[in-house]
């Protein structure tokens, strides 16, 4: 095991968790408005998958994308300022929680329309192939997307045109408040990939190393053969669909069962067992991350709002 890699993956997952805890607190205080969809419990999917990607690969995500942005950029300040709607935010304070972008680092954002970004990811991958570049596009979406028309359109285009794209379904068991078994006619979302057809794999989305290995394989195939790949990561969100959702449609027993599979705890135990770090060292990492997040909160609170005269910038008419 690569000790540096394991510690880095651990730190990234902790950063995602502490960032969102701080964001939820700011929301409850009225400092963050609009929608806020937390990723808590799913950190291994974004962190594991993005650790397998090259810096030049493209990331297209859904509206629950804080962790994807942080795993790609490490920019807690820009993300928090965006949640606060400040001019220093990564999208200039114009996007908020659901639209975190960093074009320079090929983080092509969160998209608020469920499934609407799947054809966009196919288009990005088409552009890479058209330019004869070797970049791969990673497209993240929730299980609820699998019943959207745009989902099928995106997969169909990727298969027909043989595009270098990896579709990653973050199956957290619920589409908003509706359990998957009430909306999906098959047991696994990945079954849908057979209809196009494309290679698919089911992954334990709570194990960051398994997620990393599966994504490395998928990316390698997409890069070398220009063929799409479908990954279904089985995971769970510990919080409601958004911070406004109390999640009463789930039993306490169900939530507790999945919380025992906390991806951060799983990796932490592995690190301790391998003797890579001590409990004190892991606690120190947590404290360092908390300080980084508090710095991001201060930065966001002290940053200016966008100037009124810039309201028409970045718009097309």
C-alpha atoms as a PDB file:
ATOM      1  CA  UNK A   1       0.000   0.000   0.000  1.00  0.00           C
ATOM      2  CA  UNK A   2       1.175   3.517  -0.843  1.00  0.00           C
ATOM      3  CA  UNK A   3       1.166   5.280   2.534  1.00  0.00           C
ATOM      4  CA  UNK A   4       1.190   8.776   1.007  1.00  0.00           C
ATOM      5  CA  UNK A   5      -1.737   7.918  -1.252  1.00  0.00           C
ATOM      6  CA  UNK A   6      -3.850   6.486   1.577  1.00  0.00           C
ATOM      7  CA  UNK A   7      -3.251   9.503   3.792  1.00  0.00           C
ATOM      8  CA  UNK A   8      -4.047  11.872   0.930  1.00  0.00           C
ATOM      9  CA  UNK A   9      -7.315  10.049   0.156  1.00  0.00           C
ATOM     10  CA  UNK A  10      -8.210  10.165   3.844  1.00  0.00           C
ATOM     11  CA  UNK A  11      -7.510  13.880   4.055  1.00  0.00           C
ATOM     12  CA  UNK A  12      -9.562  14.627   0.945  1.00  0.00           C
ATOM     13  CA  UNK A  13     -12.580  12.729   2.279  1.00  0.00           C
ATOM     14  CA  UNK A  14     -12.323  14.491   5.631  1.00  0.00           C
ATOM     15  CA  UNK A  15     -12.116  17.846   3.819  1.00  0.00           C
ATOM     16  CA  UNK A  16     -15.313  17.056   1.916  1.00  0.00           C
ATOM     17  CA  UNK A  17     -17.077  16.046   5.148  1.00  0.00           C
ATOM     18  CA  UNK A  18     -15.980  19.039   7.246  1.00  0.00           C
ATOM     19  CA  UNK A  19     -16.663  21.460   4.390  1.00  0.00           C
ATOM     20  CA  UNK A  20     -20.242  20.290   4.106  1.00  0.00           C
ATOM     21  CA  UNK A  21     -20.798  20.315   7.850  1.00  0.00           C
ATOM     22  CA  UNK A  22     -19.693  23.958   7.850  1.00  0.00           C
ATOM     23  CA  UNK A  23     -21.904  24.686   4.832  1.00  0.00           C
ATOM     24  CA  UNK A  24     -24.927  23.188   6.596  1.00  0.00           C
ATOM     25  CA  UNK A  25     -24.225  25.339   9.651  1.00  0.00           C
ATOM     26  CA  UNK A  26     -23.950  28.468   7.509  1.00  0.00           C
ATOM     27  CA  UNK A  27     -27.237  27.560   5.809  1.00  0.00           C
ATOM     28  CA  UNK A  28     -29.001  27.227   9.176  1.00  0.00           C
ATOM     29  CA  UNK A  29     -27.676  30.682  10.068  1.00  0.00           C
ATOM     30  CA  UNK A  30     -29.118  32.177   6.897  1.00  0.00           C
ATOM     31  CA  UNK A  31     -25.708  32.925   5.406  1.00  0.00           C
ATOM     32  CA  UNK A  32     -26.179  30.495   2.507  1.00  0.00           C
ATOM     33  CA  UNK A  33     -29.398  30.586   0.516  1.00  0.00           C
ATOM     34  CA  UNK A  34     -30.919  28.628  -2.323  1.00  0.00           C
ATOM     35  CA  UNK A  35     -30.576  24.850  -2.429  1.00  0.00           C
ATOM     36  CA  UNK A  36     -27.908  22.877  -0.583  1.00  0.00           C
ATOM     37  CA  UNK A  37     -27.504  19.171  -1.310  1.00  0.00           C
ATOM     38  CA  UNK A  38     -25.028  17.425   0.983  1.00  0.00           C
ATOM     39  CA  UNK A  39     -22.771  14.543  -0.076  1.00  0.00           C
ATOM     40  CA  UNK A  40     -22.045  13.284   3.440  1.00  0.00           C
ATOM     41  CA  UNK A  41     -21.632   9.504   3.336  1.00  0.00           C
ATOM     42  CA  UNK A  42     -20.684   9.348  -0.344  1.00  0.00           C
ATOM     43  CA  UNK A  43     -17.184  10.852  -0.169  1.00  0.00           C
ATOM     44  CA  UNK A  44     -15.397   7.687  -1.307  1.00  0.00           C
ATOM     45  CA  UNK A  45     -17.053   7.850  -4.730  1.00  0.00           C
ATOM     46  CA  UNK A  46     -15.848  11.302  -5.774  1.00  0.00           C
ATOM     47  CA  UNK A  47     -12.470  11.103  -4.047  1.00  0.00           C
ATOM     48  CA  UNK A  48     -11.710   7.568  -5.226  1.00  0.00           C
ATOM     49  CA  UNK A  49     -12.804   8.195  -8.808  1.00  0.00           C
ATOM     50  CA  UNK A  50     -11.017  11.520  -9.222  1.00  0.00           C
ATOM     51  CA  UNK A  51      -7.812  10.150  -7.730  1.00  0.00           C
ATOM     52  CA  UNK A  52      -7.704   7.817 -10.738  1.00  0.00           C
ATOM     53  CA  UNK A  53      -8.149  10.596 -13.310  1.00  0.00           C
ATOM     54  CA  UNK A  54      -5.471  12.665 -15.009  1.00  0.00           C
ATOM     55  CA  UNK A  55      -5.488  16.453 -14.430  1.00  0.00           C
ATOM     56  CA  UNK A  56      -6.453  16.911 -18.090  1.00  0.00           C
ATOM     57  CA  UNK A  57      -9.520  14.656 -17.854  1.00  0.00           C
ATOM     58  CA  UNK A  58     -12.878  16.421 -17.729  1.00  0.00           C
ATOM     59  CA  UNK A  59     -15.356  16.257 -14.835  1.00  0.00           C
ATOM     60  CA  UNK A  60     -19.089  16.751 -15.383  1.00  0.00           C
ATOM     61  CA  UNK A  61     -21.189  16.391 -12.236  1.00  0.00           C
ATOM     62  CA  UNK A  62     -24.705  16.769 -10.941  1.00  0.00           C
ATOM     63  CA  UNK A  63     -25.923  19.325  -8.374  1.00  0.00           C
ATOM     64  CA  UNK A  64     -24.495  17.349  -5.404  1.00  0.00           C
ATOM     65  CA  UNK A  65     -20.958  18.232  -6.433  1.00  0.00           C
ATOM     66  CA  UNK A  66     -19.109  19.886  -3.548  1.00  0.00           C
ATOM     67  CA  UNK A  67     -16.875  16.840  -3.058  1.00  0.00           C
ATOM     68  CA  UNK A  68     -16.114  16.552  -6.777  1.00  0.00           C
ATOM     69  CA  UNK A  69     -15.031  20.175  -6.885  1.00  0.00           C
ATOM     70  CA  UNK A  70     -12.882  19.844  -3.760  1.00  0.00           C
ATOM     71  CA  UNK A  71     -11.309  16.571  -4.904  1.00  0.00           C
ATOM     72  CA  UNK A  72     -10.383  18.118  -8.240  1.00  0.00           C
ATOM     73  CA  UNK A  73      -9.283  21.585  -7.095  1.00  0.00           C
ATOM     74  CA  UNK A  74      -8.695  21.514  -3.315  1.00  0.00           C
ATOM     75  CA  UNK A  75     -10.124  25.042  -3.354  1.00  0.00           C
ATOM     76  CA  UNK A  76     -12.224  25.264  -0.187  1.00  0.00           C
ATOM     77  CA  UNK A  77     -12.165  29.067  -0.269  1.00  0.00           C
ATOM     78  CA  UNK A  78     -13.574  29.368  -3.779  1.00  0.00           C
ATOM     79  CA  UNK A  79     -16.248  26.753  -3.088  1.00  0.00           C
ATOM     80  CA  UNK A  80     -17.406  28.286   0.195  1.00  0.00           C
ATOM     81  CA  UNK A  81     -17.440  31.805  -1.233  1.00  0.00           C
ATOM     82  CA  UNK A  82     -19.607  30.518  -4.077  1.00  0.00           C
ATOM     83  CA  UNK A  83     -22.084  29.058  -1.604  1.00  0.00           C
ATOM     84  CA  UNK A  84     -22.188  32.479   0.058  1.00  0.00           C
ATOM     85  CA  UNK A  85     -22.839  34.130  -3.325  1.00  0.00           C
ATOM     86  CA  UNK A  86     -19.674  36.214  -3.129  1.00  0.00           C
ATOM     87  CA  UNK A  87     -17.636  37.679  -5.983  1.00  0.00           C
ATOM     88  CA  UNK A  88     -14.619  35.574  -4.953  1.00  0.00           C
ATOM     89  CA  UNK A  89     -16.571  32.357  -5.462  1.00  0.00           C
ATOM     90  CA  UNK A  90     -15.406  29.907  -8.100  1.00  0.00           C
ATOM     91  CA  UNK A  91     -18.349  30.913 -10.316  1.00  0.00           C
ATOM     92  CA  UNK A  92     -18.231  34.580  -9.351  1.00  0.00           C
ATOM     93  CA  UNK A  93     -21.096  34.192  -6.903  1.00  0.00           C
ATOM     94  CA  UNK A  94     -23.496  33.532  -9.760  1.00  0.00           C
ATOM     95  CA  UNK A  95     -23.928  29.788  -9.459  1.00  0.00           C
ATOM     96  CA  UNK A  96     -24.185  28.858  -5.814  1.00  0.00           C
ATOM     97  CA  UNK A  97     -24.084  25.338  -4.450  1.00  0.00           C
ATOM     98  CA  UNK A  98     -25.274  23.584  -7.601  1.00  0.00           C
ATOM     99  CA  UNK A  99     -22.903  25.244 -10.078  1.00  0.00           C
ATOM    100  CA  UNK A 100     -19.271  24.939  -8.982  1.00  0.00           C
ATOM    101  CA  UNK A 101     -16.977  25.380 -11.991  1.00  0.00           C
ATOM    102  CA  UNK A 102     -13.254  25.619 -12.643  1.00  0.00           C
ATOM    103  CA  UNK A 103     -12.681  25.546 -16.385  1.00  0.00           C
ATOM    104  CA  UNK A 104      -8.894  25.774 -16.033  1.00  0.00           C
ATOM    105  CA  UNK A 105      -8.880  22.517 -14.067  1.00  0.00           C
ATOM    106  CA  UNK A 106     -11.531  21.013 -16.331  1.00  0.00           C
ATOM    107  CA  UNK A 107     -14.124  20.843 -13.601  1.00  0.00           C
ATOM    108  CA  UNK A 108     -17.098  21.518 -15.828  1.00  0.00           C
ATOM    109  CA  UNK A 109     -19.468  22.012 -13.027  1.00  0.00           C
ATOM    110  CA  UNK A 110     -22.534  20.877 -11.309  1.00  0.00           C
ATOM    111  CA  UNK A 111     -25.718  20.790 -13.374  1.00  0.00           C
ATOM    112  CA  UNK A 112     -29.082  21.331 -11.717  1.00  0.00           C
ATOM    113  CA  UNK A 113     -31.338  19.592 -14.263  1.00  0.00           C
ATOM    114  CA  UNK A 114     -31.506  15.896 -13.377  1.00  0.00           C
ATOM    115  CA  UNK A 115     -29.958  13.954 -16.248  1.00  0.00           C
ATOM    116  CA  UNK A 116     -29.486  17.050 -18.393  1.00  0.00           C
ATOM    117  CA  UNK A 117     -25.722  16.876 -18.134  1.00  0.00           C
ATOM    118  CA  UNK A 118     -25.343  13.296 -19.451  1.00  0.00           C
ATOM    119  CA  UNK A 119     -25.556  14.351 -23.130  1.00  0.00           C
ATOM    120  CA  UNK A 120     -23.275  17.286 -22.297  1.00  0.00           C
ATOM    121  CA  UNK A 121     -20.654  14.841 -21.018  1.00  0.00           C
ATOM    122  CA  UNK A 122     -21.017  12.873 -24.246  1.00  0.00           C
ATOM    123  CA  UNK A 123     -20.440  16.111 -26.149  1.00  0.00           C
ATOM    124  CA  UNK A 124     -17.296  16.899 -24.164  1.00  0.00           C
ATOM    125  CA  UNK A 125     -15.972  13.404 -24.879  1.00  0.00           C
ATOM    126  CA  UNK A 126     -16.871  13.834 -28.557  1.00  0.00           C
ATOM    127  CA  UNK A 127     -14.802  17.027 -28.657  1.00  0.00           C
ATOM    128  CA  UNK A 128     -11.782  15.188 -27.203  1.00  0.00           C
ATOM    129  CA  UNK A 129     -12.087  12.453 -29.808  1.00  0.00           C
ATOM    130  CA  UNK A 130     -12.671  14.951 -32.629  1.00  0.00           C
ATOM    131  CA  UNK A 131      -9.494  16.835 -31.672  1.00  0.00           C
ATOM    132  CA  UNK A 132      -7.605  13.541 -31.430  1.00  0.00           C
ATOM    133  CA  UNK A 133      -6.787  14.192 -27.769  1.00  0.00           C
ATOM    134  CA  UNK A 134      -6.476  11.442 -25.183  1.00  0.00           C
ATOM    135  CA  UNK A 135      -8.610  12.989 -22.470  1.00  0.00           C
ATOM    136  CA  UNK A 136     -11.444  11.090 -20.799  1.00  0.00           C
ATOM    137  CA  UNK A 137     -14.666  12.612 -19.475  1.00  0.00           C
ATOM    138  CA  UNK A 138     -16.038  11.440 -16.117  1.00  0.00           C
ATOM    139  CA  UNK A 139     -19.784  11.959 -15.769  1.00  0.00           C
ATOM    140  CA  UNK A 140     -21.323  11.630 -12.274  1.00  0.00           C
ATOM    141  CA  UNK A 141     -25.055  11.304 -11.622  1.00  0.00           C
ATOM    142  CA  UNK A 142     -27.515   9.865  -9.122  1.00  0.00           C
ATOM    143  CA  UNK A 143     -29.696   6.787  -9.506  1.00  0.00           C
ATOM    144  CA  UNK A 144     -32.747   8.954 -10.174  1.00  0.00           C
ATOM    145  CA  UNK A 145     -31.139  10.050 -13.437  1.00  0.00           C
ATOM    146  CA  UNK A 146     -31.493   6.533 -14.870  1.00  0.00           C
ATOM    147  CA  UNK A 147     -35.170   7.123 -15.653  1.00  0.00           C
ATOM    148  CA  UNK A 148     -34.619  10.384 -17.509  1.00  0.00           C
ATOM    149  CA  UNK A 149     -34.723  10.559 -21.284  1.00  0.00           C
ATOM    150  CA  UNK A 150     -31.500  12.537 -21.478  1.00  0.00           C
ATOM    151  CA  UNK A 151     -29.704   9.718 -19.641  1.00  0.00           C
ATOM    152  CA  UNK A 152     -30.579   7.283 -22.431  1.00  0.00           C
ATOM    153  CA  UNK A 153     -29.728   9.811 -25.129  1.00  0.00           C
ATOM    154  CA  UNK A 154     -26.285  10.390 -23.631  1.00  0.00           C
ATOM    155  CA  UNK A 155     -25.507   6.683 -23.346  1.00  0.00           C
ATOM    156  CA  UNK A 156     -26.778   6.026 -26.861  1.00  0.00           C
ATOM    157  CA  UNK A 157     -24.553   8.734 -28.352  1.00  0.00           C
ATOM    158  CA  UNK A 158     -21.528   7.547 -26.379  1.00  0.00           C
ATOM    159  CA  UNK A 159     -21.995   3.982 -27.619  1.00  0.00           C
ATOM    160  CA  UNK A 160     -22.742   4.849 -31.256  1.00  0.00           C
ATOM    161  CA  UNK A 161     -19.848   7.293 -31.565  1.00  0.00           C
ATOM    162  CA  UNK A 162     -17.480   5.235 -29.355  1.00  0.00           C
ATOM    163  CA  UNK A 163     -16.683   8.092 -27.010  1.00  0.00           C
ATOM    164  CA  UNK A 164     -14.055   8.169 -24.221  1.00  0.00           C
ATOM    165  CA  UNK A 165     -16.476   8.749 -21.358  1.00  0.00           C
ATOM    166  CA  UNK A 166     -16.931   6.998 -18.002  1.00  0.00           C
ATOM    167  CA  UNK A 167     -20.470   7.200 -16.648  1.00  0.00           C
ATOM    168  CA  UNK A 168     -20.496   6.926 -12.847  1.00  0.00           C
ATOM    169  CA  UNK A 169     -23.860   6.322 -11.203  1.00  0.00           C
ATOM    170  CA  UNK A 170     -23.787   7.267  -7.535  1.00  0.00           C
ATOM    171  CA  UNK A 171     -26.537   4.931  -6.382  1.00  0.00           C
ATOM    172  CA  UNK A 172     -27.423   6.266  -2.934  1.00  0.00           C
ATOM    173  CA  UNK A 173     -30.652   4.221  -2.941  1.00  0.00           C
ATOM    174  CA  UNK A 174     -33.058   7.170  -3.162  1.00  0.00           C
ATOM    175  CA  UNK A 175     -34.211   9.551  -5.875  1.00  0.00           C
ATOM    176  CA  UNK A 176     -35.113  12.449  -3.599  1.00  0.00           C
ATOM    177  CA  UNK A 177     -37.451  10.676  -1.160  1.00  0.00           C
ATOM    178  CA  UNK A 178     -38.374   7.727  -3.365  1.00  0.00           C
ATOM    179  CA  UNK A 179     -36.577   4.394  -2.880  1.00  0.00           C
ATOM    180  CA  UNK A 180     -35.039   2.966  -6.014  1.00  0.00           C
ATOM    181  CA  UNK A 181     -37.119  -0.215  -6.007  1.00  0.00           C
ATOM    182  CA  UNK A 182     -40.280   1.855  -6.554  1.00  0.00           C
ATOM    183  CA  UNK A 183     -39.021   3.521  -9.723  1.00  0.00           C
ATOM    184  CA  UNK A 184     -36.537   1.137 -11.371  1.00  0.00           C
ATOM    185  CA  UNK A 185     -37.705  -1.984 -13.207  1.00  0.00           C
ATOM    186  CA  UNK A 186     -34.347  -3.765 -12.714  1.00  0.00           C
ATOM    187  CA  UNK A 187     -32.336  -4.550  -9.594  1.00  0.00           C
ATOM    188  CA  UNK A 188     -29.237  -2.616 -10.640  1.00  0.00           C
ATOM    189  CA  UNK A 189     -28.901   0.623 -12.585  1.00  0.00           C
ATOM    190  CA  UNK A 190     -25.896  -0.813 -14.435  1.00  0.00           C
ATOM    191  CA  UNK A 191     -28.219  -3.258 -16.227  1.00  0.00           C
ATOM    192  CA  UNK A 192     -29.339  -0.287 -18.325  1.00  0.00           C
ATOM    193  CA  UNK A 193     -25.863  -0.092 -19.877  1.00  0.00           C
ATOM    194  CA  UNK A 194     -26.372  -3.443 -21.615  1.00  0.00           C
ATOM    195  CA  UNK A 195     -28.935  -1.958 -23.947  1.00  0.00           C
ATOM    196  CA  UNK A 196     -26.443   0.216 -25.781  1.00  0.00           C
ATOM    197  CA  UNK A 197     -24.263  -1.872 -25.159  1.00  0.00           C
ATOM    198  CA  UNK A 198     -21.262  -0.900 -23.051  1.00  0.00           C
ATOM    199  CA  UNK A 199     -19.136  -2.570 -20.403  1.00  0.00           C
ATOM    200  CA  UNK A 200     -20.414  -2.062 -16.868  1.00  0.00           C
ATOM    201  CA  UNK A 201     -19.316  -2.842 -13.319  1.00  0.00           C
ATOM    202  CA  UNK A 202     -20.860  -2.576  -9.859  1.00  0.00           C
ATOM    203  CA  UNK A 203     -18.553  -1.127  -7.204  1.00  0.00           C
ATOM    204  CA  UNK A 204     -18.670  -0.737  -3.427  1.00  0.00           C
ATOM    205  CA  UNK A 205     -18.958   3.027  -3.325  1.00  0.00           C
ATOM    206  CA  UNK A 206     -18.057   3.126   0.368  1.00  0.00           C
ATOM    207  CA  UNK A 207     -14.545   1.763  -0.251  1.00  0.00           C
ATOM    208  CA  UNK A 208     -12.363   4.510  -1.687  1.00  0.00           C
ATOM    209  CA  UNK A 209      -9.690   2.073  -2.874  1.00  0.00           C
ATOM    210  CA  UNK A 210     -12.163  -0.175  -4.670  1.00  0.00           C
ATOM    211  CA  UNK A 211     -13.673   2.930  -6.251  1.00  0.00           C
ATOM    212  CA  UNK A 212     -10.233   4.108  -7.337  1.00  0.00           C
ATOM    213  CA  UNK A 213      -9.253   0.767  -8.866  1.00  0.00           C
ATOM    214  CA  UNK A 214     -12.524   0.354 -10.757  1.00  0.00           C
ATOM    215  CA  UNK A 215     -12.306   3.896 -12.139  1.00  0.00           C
ATOM    216  CA  UNK A 216      -8.682   3.407 -13.181  1.00  0.00           C
ATOM    217  CA  UNK A 217      -9.713   0.374 -15.202  1.00  0.00           C
ATOM    218  CA  UNK A 218     -12.646   2.214 -16.771  1.00  0.00           C
ATOM    219  CA  UNK A 219     -10.561   5.290 -17.619  1.00  0.00           C
ATOM    220  CA  UNK A 220      -7.753   3.197 -19.083  1.00  0.00           C
ATOM    221  CA  UNK A 221     -10.185   1.393 -21.383  1.00  0.00           C
ATOM    222  CA  UNK A 222     -11.900   4.632 -22.402  1.00  0.00           C
ATOM    223  CA  UNK A 223      -8.577   6.344 -23.107  1.00  0.00           C
ATOM    224  CA  UNK A 224      -6.992   3.524 -25.117  1.00  0.00           C
ATOM    225  CA  UNK A 225     -10.031   2.179 -26.964  1.00  0.00           C
ATOM    226  CA  UNK A 226     -12.334   5.224 -27.109  1.00  0.00           C
ATOM    227  CA  UNK A 227     -15.138   3.187 -25.593  1.00  0.00           C
ATOM    228  CA  UNK A 228     -17.609   4.280 -22.908  1.00  0.00           C
ATOM    229  CA  UNK A 229     -17.765   2.508 -19.549  1.00  0.00           C
ATOM    230  CA  UNK A 230     -20.523   2.422 -16.929  1.00  0.00           C
ATOM    231  CA  UNK A 231     -19.761   2.221 -13.199  1.00  0.00           C
ATOM    232  CA  UNK A 232     -22.462   1.863 -10.577  1.00  0.00           C
ATOM    233  CA  UNK A 233     -21.236   2.816  -7.112  1.00  0.00           C
ATOM    234  CA  UNK A 234     -23.457   1.473  -4.332  1.00  0.00           C
ATOM    235  CA  UNK A 235     -23.446   4.045  -1.541  1.00  0.00           C
ATOM    236  CA  UNK A 236     -25.742   6.054   0.751  1.00  0.00           C
ATOM    237  CA  UNK A 237     -26.275   9.665   1.742  1.00  0.00           C
ATOM    238  CA  UNK A 238     -26.489  10.108   5.502  1.00  0.00           C
ATOM    239  CA  UNK A 239     -28.523  13.324   5.272  1.00  0.00           C
ATOM    240  CA  UNK A 240     -31.746  14.126   3.437  1.00  0.00           C
ATOM    241  CA  UNK A 241     -32.001  14.924  -0.241  1.00  0.00           C
ATOM    242  CA  UNK A 242     -31.267  18.549   0.653  1.00  0.00           C
ATOM    243  CA  UNK A 243     -30.833  20.336   3.965  1.00  0.00           C
ATOM    244  CA  UNK A 244     -34.569  21.098   3.853  1.00  0.00           C
ATOM    245  CA  UNK A 245     -35.389  17.372   3.797  1.00  0.00           C
ATOM    246  CA  UNK A 246     -35.696  15.688   7.240  1.00  0.00           C
ATOM    247  CA  UNK A 247     -35.511  12.256   5.593  1.00  0.00           C
ATOM    248  CA  UNK A 248     -38.400  10.769   7.552  1.00  0.00           C
ATOM    249  CA  UNK A 249     -39.093   8.280   4.774  1.00  0.00           C
ATOM    250  CA  UNK A 250     -36.100   6.255   6.036  1.00  0.00           C
ATOM    251  CA  UNK A 251     -36.000   4.267   9.259  1.00  0.00           C
ATOM    252  CA  UNK A 252     -33.377   4.973  11.907  1.00  0.00           C
ATOM    253  CA  UNK A 253     -32.276   1.348  11.630  1.00  0.00           C
ATOM    254  CA  UNK A 254     -31.639   1.675   7.907  1.00  0.00           C
ATOM    255  CA  UNK A 255     -29.621   4.858   8.298  1.00  0.00           C
ATOM    256  CA  UNK A 256     -27.616   3.353  11.174  1.00  0.00           C
ATOM    257  CA  UNK A 257     -26.810   0.256   9.119  1.00  0.00           C
ATOM    258  CA  UNK A 258     -25.354   2.351   6.325  1.00  0.00           C
ATOM    259  CA  UNK A 259     -23.538   4.692   8.705  1.00  0.00           C
ATOM    260  CA  UNK A 260     -21.592   1.672   9.901  1.00  0.00           C
ATOM    261  CA  UNK A 261     -20.145   1.684   6.377  1.00  0.00           C
ATOM    262  CA  UNK A 262     -18.885   5.257   6.745  1.00  0.00           C
ATOM    263  CA  UNK A 263     -16.174   5.521   4.044  1.00  0.00           C
ATOM    264  CA  UNK A 264     -13.956   7.729   6.188  1.00  0.00           C
ATOM    265  CA  UNK A 265     -14.087   5.276   9.089  1.00  0.00           C
ATOM    266  CA  UNK A 266     -13.391   2.345   6.752  1.00  0.00           C
ATOM    267  CA  UNK A 267     -10.234   3.939   5.370  1.00  0.00           C
ATOM    268  CA  UNK A 268      -9.208   5.169   8.827  1.00  0.00           C
ATOM    269  CA  UNK A 269      -9.329   1.640  10.213  1.00  0.00           C
ATOM    270  CA  UNK A 270      -7.311   0.360   7.282  1.00  0.00           C
ATOM    271  CA  UNK A 271      -4.650   3.013   7.835  1.00  0.00           C
ATOM    272  CA  UNK A 272      -4.432   2.117  11.540  1.00  0.00           C
ATOM    273  CA  UNK A 273      -4.269  -1.624  10.821  1.00  0.00           C
ATOM    274  CA  UNK A 274      -1.439  -1.147   8.319  1.00  0.00           C
ATOM    275  CA  UNK A 275       0.459   1.006  10.812  1.00  0.00           C
ATOM    276  CA  UNK A 276       0.620   3.916   8.376  1.00  0.00           C
ATOM    277  CA  UNK A 277      -0.576   6.405  10.987  1.00  0.00           C
ATOM    278  CA  UNK A 278      -1.688   6.497  14.606  1.00  0.00           C
ATOM    279  CA  UNK A 279      -5.034   7.654  15.964  1.00  0.00           C
ATOM    280  CA  UNK A 280      -3.359  10.851  17.140  1.00  0.00           C
ATOM    281  CA  UNK A 281      -2.044  11.502  13.635  1.00  0.00           C
ATOM    282  CA  UNK A 282      -5.474  10.991  12.110  1.00  0.00           C
ATOM    283  CA  UNK A 283      -6.985  13.354  14.687  1.00  0.00           C
ATOM    284  CA  UNK A 284      -4.301  15.892  13.782  1.00  0.00           C
ATOM    285  CA  UNK A 285      -5.313  15.598  10.127  1.00  0.00           C
ATOM    286  CA  UNK A 286      -8.911  16.249  11.097  1.00  0.00           C
ATOM    287  CA  UNK A 287      -7.887  19.358  13.058  1.00  0.00           C
ATOM    288  CA  UNK A 288      -5.831  20.653  10.120  1.00  0.00           C
ATOM    289  CA  UNK A 289      -8.795  20.203   7.809  1.00  0.00           C
ATOM    290  CA  UNK A 290     -11.149  21.939  10.256  1.00  0.00           C
ATOM    291  CA  UNK A 291      -8.759  24.904  10.304  1.00  0.00           C
ATOM    292  CA  UNK A 292      -8.723  24.972   6.498  1.00  0.00           C
ATOM    293  CA  UNK A 293     -12.521  24.962   6.403  1.00  0.00           C
ATOM    294  CA  UNK A 294     -12.791  27.693   9.023  1.00  0.00           C
ATOM    295  CA  UNK A 295     -10.378  29.759   6.941  1.00  0.00           C
ATOM    296  CA  UNK A 296     -12.681  29.212   3.951  1.00  0.00           C
ATOM    297  CA  UNK A 297     -15.691  30.357   5.994  1.00  0.00           C
ATOM    298  CA  UNK A 298     -13.881  33.511   7.119  1.00  0.00           C
ATOM    299  CA  UNK A 299     -12.804  34.176   3.525  1.00  0.00           C
ATOM    300  CA  UNK A 300     -16.385  33.795   2.319  1.00  0.00           C
ATOM    301  CA  UNK A 301     -17.839  36.015   5.041  1.00  0.00           C
ATOM    302  CA  UNK A 302     -15.281  38.763   4.439  1.00  0.00           C
ATOM    303  CA  UNK A 303     -15.500  38.681   0.631  1.00  0.00           C
ATOM    304  CA  UNK A 304     -17.578  41.280  -1.258  1.00  0.00           C
ATOM    305  CA  UNK A 305     -20.796  40.523  -3.074  1.00  0.00           C
ATOM    306  CA  UNK A 306     -20.688  40.949  -6.870  1.00  0.00           C
ATOM    307  CA  UNK A 307     -20.878  44.596  -7.909  1.00  0.00           C
ATOM    308  CA  UNK A 308     -24.308  45.518  -9.360  1.00  0.00           C
ATOM    309  CA  UNK A 309     -22.735  46.920 -12.527  1.00  0.00           C
ATOM    310  CA  UNK A 310     -21.349  43.446 -13.367  1.00  0.00           C
ATOM    311  CA  UNK A 311     -24.823  41.887 -13.544  1.00  0.00           C
ATOM    312  CA  UNK A 312     -24.683  41.451 -17.336  1.00  0.00           C
ATOM    313  CA  UNK A 313     -21.223  39.916 -17.411  1.00  0.00           C
ATOM    314  CA  UNK A 314     -20.985  36.265 -18.432  1.00  0.00           C
ATOM    315  CA  UNK A 315     -24.421  36.384 -20.019  1.00  0.00           C
ATOM    316  CA  UNK A 316     -25.282  35.901 -23.700  1.00  0.00           C
ATOM    317  CA  UNK A 317     -28.017  37.710 -25.575  1.00  0.00           C
END
